[in-house]
Amino acid sequence: MTDATGFENVPPTTLADILGRGQVMDIGIRPLWSPTPRVAGPAFTVRCPPGDNLMLHAAIHRAEPGSVIVVESGDVDYALAGGNVCAVARRRGIAAFVLDGVIRDIGEVREMGFPVFARGVIPIPGTKAAPQPLNVQVRCGGVDVNAGDIVVADEEGIVVTPHARQDEVLLAAQAKLAKEADESLDAWEAAHRARIDKILSDKGLEG
């Protein structure tokens, strides 16, 4: 399994600055309880056709501890998971669910402290009738996700780092965070004003 060590200390905002909009999931996928801690882990990818949750229920027994289970569904009419599925996932060491869909039993999920990022909550469950391959490329929240990509999620949003760029991105993020930590607010303000004033001047707006 891909090692996500180090990414738990990197906010999604920093990763978004480095990777750009294309690796940031849309705002509809959000933490379903608060305060949800930041999670970071390699993606275990799942595809569930609309109305069906079979493969997510299979994935919780197959994903390795530390994995973030990422589900392509695009359906908000039937729940992908409920309290028992989340409880088993938590017990097996799954870091979080990131779902392009909805769940149920949010009270139980909140109480157990299992991180779920999804589009919402609905009380009716999906069916279990549509087998699909696991760990193939999926699309979740507008982002293509492959097995082993690094998923970082918290209240700021969800960012996916492609596995092939993992080392490069982590080094860049750590350097950016170190630079920001060493910069005073006065220094940031001066540099910010100079940059904004230059942009305005270059566009012909003075004063």
Protein backbone atom coordinates (compact mmCIF):
# COMPACT_ATOMS: atom_id res chain seq x y z
CA MET A 1 0.00 0.00 0.00
CA THR A 2 1.15 3.55 -0.73
CA ASP A 3 2.62 5.36 2.27
CA ALA A 4 0.91 8.69 2.94
CA THR A 5 3.23 9.67 5.81
CA GLY A 6 3.71 13.42 5.96
CA PHE A 7 0.51 14.35 4.18
CA GLU A 8 -1.44 14.38 7.46
CA ASN A 9 0.45 17.58 8.32
CA VAL A 10 -0.40 19.33 5.05
CA PRO A 11 -3.66 21.31 4.80
CA PRO A 12 -5.76 20.89 1.66
CA THR A 13 -5.30 24.62 1.04
CA THR A 14 -1.55 24.14 0.63
CA LEU A 15 -2.02 21.18 -1.70
CA ALA A 16 -4.59 23.12 -3.73
CA ASP A 17 -2.08 25.96 -4.19
CA ILE A 18 0.43 23.47 -5.57
CA LEU A 19 -1.81 21.17 -7.61
CA GLY A 20 -4.46 23.57 -8.89
CA ARG A 21 -8.22 23.36 -9.32
CA GLY A 22 -8.22 20.09 -11.24
CA GLN A 23 -7.25 18.06 -8.18
CA VAL A 24 -9.76 19.64 -5.80
CA MET A 25 -13.15 17.97 -5.34
CA ASP A 26 -16.22 20.15 -5.64
CA ILE A 27 -17.80 21.76 -2.58
CA GLY A 28 -20.79 19.42 -2.59
CA ILE A 29 -18.67 16.70 -0.99
CA ARG A 30 -18.15 17.86 2.57
CA PRO A 31 -17.66 16.50 6.08
CA LEU A 32 -20.96 15.25 7.48
CA TRP A 33 -20.15 16.02 11.10
CA SER A 34 -18.06 18.64 12.82
CA PRO A 35 -15.34 19.04 13.84
CA THR A 36 -14.07 16.33 11.51
CA PRO A 37 -10.31 15.78 11.82
CA ARG A 38 -8.01 15.98 8.84
CA VAL A 39 -7.48 12.61 7.19
CA ALA A 40 -4.79 11.54 4.76
CA GLY A 41 -4.32 8.19 3.11
CA PRO A 42 -4.02 6.26 -0.13
CA ALA A 43 -7.19 5.89 -2.15
CA PHE A 44 -8.99 2.56 -2.39
CA THR A 45 -11.34 3.21 -5.28
CA VAL A 46 -14.89 1.91 -5.68
CA ARG A 47 -17.54 2.36 -8.36
CA CYS A 48 -21.20 2.02 -7.37
CA PRO A 49 -23.89 2.43 -10.03
CA PRO A 50 -26.77 4.72 -9.01
CA GLY A 51 -28.95 3.12 -6.37
CA ASP A 52 -26.52 0.29 -5.60
CA ASN A 53 -23.99 0.02 -2.77
CA LEU A 54 -22.69 -3.55 -3.17
CA MET A 55 -19.08 -2.68 -3.93
CA LEU A 56 -18.65 -0.25 -1.04
CA HIS A 57 -19.90 -2.99 1.26
CA ALA A 58 -17.33 -5.32 -0.34
CA ALA A 59 -14.55 -2.74 -0.13
CA ILE A 60 -14.62 -2.38 3.65
CA HIS A 61 -13.40 -5.99 3.93
CA ARG A 62 -10.69 -5.55 1.28
CA ALA A 63 -9.14 -2.12 1.81
CA GLU A 64 -6.01 -2.01 3.95
CA PRO A 65 -5.84 -0.07 7.23
CA GLY A 66 -5.11 3.59 6.60
CA SER A 67 -6.91 3.63 3.25
CA VAL A 68 -9.39 6.30 2.26
CA ILE A 69 -12.25 4.60 0.43
CA VAL A 70 -13.27 6.81 -2.50
CA VAL A 71 -16.58 6.05 -4.21
CA GLU A 72 -17.92 7.14 -7.59
CA SER A 73 -21.70 7.08 -7.53
CA GLY A 74 -23.30 10.39 -8.39
CA ASP A 75 -26.56 9.26 -6.80
CA VAL A 76 -28.26 11.13 -3.96
CA ASP A 77 -31.46 9.08 -3.80
CA TYR A 78 -30.14 5.99 -1.97
CA ALA A 79 -27.62 5.63 0.85
CA LEU A 80 -24.27 4.05 0.09
CA ALA A 81 -23.62 3.16 3.73
CA GLY A 82 -25.05 3.34 7.23
CA GLY A 83 -23.92 3.05 10.80
CA ASN A 84 -22.87 -0.60 10.76
CA VAL A 85 -20.82 -0.28 7.58
CA CYS A 86 -19.05 2.77 9.00
CA ALA A 87 -18.47 0.96 12.30
CA VAL A 88 -16.88 -2.02 10.56
CA ALA A 89 -14.75 0.28 8.40
CA ARG A 90 -13.58 2.13 11.49
CA ARG A 91 -12.80 -1.11 13.31
CA ARG A 92 -10.79 -2.34 10.33
CA GLY A 93 -8.68 0.82 10.32
CA ILE A 94 -10.15 2.56 7.28
CA ALA A 95 -9.21 6.25 7.57
CA ALA A 96 -12.36 7.72 6.00
CA PHE A 97 -15.02 7.49 3.33
CA VAL A 98 -15.07 10.05 0.50
CA LEU A 99 -18.32 9.48 -1.35
CA ASP A 100 -19.89 11.06 -4.41
CA GLY A 101 -23.21 10.12 -2.86
CA VAL A 102 -25.04 10.00 0.46
CA ILE A 103 -25.19 7.90 3.64
CA ARG A 104 -27.65 7.30 6.46
CA ASP A 105 -27.45 6.88 10.27
CA ILE A 106 -25.48 10.11 10.60
CA GLY A 107 -26.09 10.21 14.37
CA GLU A 108 -24.34 6.87 14.81
CA VAL A 109 -21.51 7.90 12.49
CA ARG A 110 -21.00 11.15 14.37
CA GLU A 111 -21.02 9.40 17.73
CA MET A 112 -18.39 6.85 16.67
CA GLY A 113 -16.22 9.58 15.17
CA PHE A 114 -15.77 8.00 11.75
CA PRO A 115 -14.89 10.62 9.11
CA VAL A 116 -17.30 10.65 6.18
CA PHE A 117 -17.15 13.21 3.39
CA ALA A 118 -20.25 12.97 1.20
CA ARG A 119 -23.09 14.92 -0.42
CA GLY A 120 -25.56 14.46 2.41
CA VAL A 121 -27.85 12.10 4.24
CA ILE A 122 -30.95 10.13 3.26
CA PRO A 123 -32.73 7.36 5.20
CA ILE A 124 -33.30 4.83 2.40
CA PRO A 125 -30.60 2.23 1.59
CA GLY A 126 -29.39 1.21 -1.82
CA THR A 127 -29.58 -2.28 -3.31
CA LYS A 128 -26.76 -4.82 -3.60
CA ALA A 129 -26.94 -6.20 -7.11
CA ALA A 130 -24.24 -4.62 -9.30
CA PRO A 131 -20.73 -6.11 -9.09
CA GLN A 132 -17.96 -3.83 -10.35
CA PRO A 133 -14.15 -4.09 -10.37
CA LEU A 134 -12.36 -2.50 -7.42
CA ASN A 135 -9.34 -0.19 -7.55
CA VAL A 136 -9.96 1.09 -11.06
CA GLN A 137 -10.00 4.77 -11.96
CA VAL A 138 -13.09 6.54 -10.64
CA ARG A 139 -14.37 10.09 -10.82
CA CYS A 140 -15.40 11.61 -7.50
CA GLY A 141 -16.34 15.23 -6.96
CA GLY A 142 -15.10 16.10 -10.43
CA VAL A 143 -11.63 14.60 -9.90
CA ASP A 144 -10.21 11.44 -11.47
CA VAL A 145 -8.89 9.21 -8.68
CA ASN A 146 -6.70 6.13 -9.06
CA ALA A 147 -5.88 3.52 -6.46
CA GLY A 148 -2.92 4.71 -4.41
CA ASP A 149 -3.43 8.42 -5.06
CA ILE A 150 -3.09 10.39 -1.83
CA VAL A 151 -6.35 11.86 -0.53
CA VAL A 152 -6.23 14.67 2.03
CA ALA A 153 -9.54 15.89 3.43
CA ASP A 154 -10.74 18.18 6.19
CA GLU A 155 -13.22 21.00 6.71
CA GLU A 156 -11.45 23.05 4.00
CA GLY A 157 -12.09 20.47 1.30
CA ILE A 158 -10.64 17.41 -0.41
CA VAL A 159 -7.51 17.32 -2.58
CA VAL A 160 -6.12 14.35 -4.51
CA THR A 161 -2.38 14.05 -5.15
CA PRO A 162 -1.57 11.65 -8.01
CA HIS A 163 0.60 8.79 -6.80
CA ALA A 164 3.25 9.55 -9.43
CA ARG A 165 3.69 13.07 -8.02
CA GLN A 166 3.52 12.15 -4.34
CA ASP A 167 7.16 12.80 -3.39
CA GLU A 168 7.44 15.99 -5.44
CA VAL A 169 4.23 17.45 -4.06
CA LEU A 170 5.02 16.58 -0.44
CA LEU A 171 8.44 18.26 -0.66
CA ALA A 172 6.92 21.37 -2.24
CA ALA A 173 4.18 21.50 0.40
CA GLN A 174 6.64 21.14 3.27
CA ALA A 175 8.83 23.90 1.82
CA LYS A 176 5.82 26.18 1.38
CA LEU A 177 4.63 25.60 4.94
CA ALA A 178 8.12 26.23 6.34
CA LYS A 179 8.42 29.50 4.41
CA GLU A 180 5.01 30.65 5.61
CA ALA A 181 5.86 29.78 9.22
CA ASP A 182 8.99 31.95 9.05
CA GLU A 183 7.20 34.95 7.56
CA SER A 184 5.74 37.59 9.87
CA LEU A 185 2.38 39.17 9.14
CA ASP A 186 4.15 42.51 8.55
CA ALA A 187 6.39 40.93 5.93
CA TRP A 188 3.45 39.15 4.31
CA GLU A 189 1.43 42.38 4.20
CA ALA A 190 4.27 44.34 2.59
CA ALA A 191 4.87 41.67 -0.06
CA HIS A 192 1.15 41.27 -0.68
CA ARG A 193 0.61 45.00 -1.16
CA ALA A 194 3.57 45.24 -3.52
CA ARG A 195 2.26 42.35 -5.60
CA ILE A 196 -1.28 43.69 -5.80
CA ASP A 197 -0.10 47.22 -6.61
CA LYS A 198 2.08 45.85 -9.42
CA ILE A 199 -0.83 43.90 -10.90
CA LEU A 200 -3.01 47.02 -10.81
CA SER A 201 -0.24 49.13 -12.33
CA ASP A 202 0.40 46.60 -15.10
CA LYS A 203 -3.29 46.77 -15.94
CA GLY A 204 -3.23 50.56 -16.10
CA LEU A 205 -4.86 51.31 -12.76
CA GLU A 206 -2.85 53.64 -10.55
CA GLY A 207 -3.44 54.86 -7.01
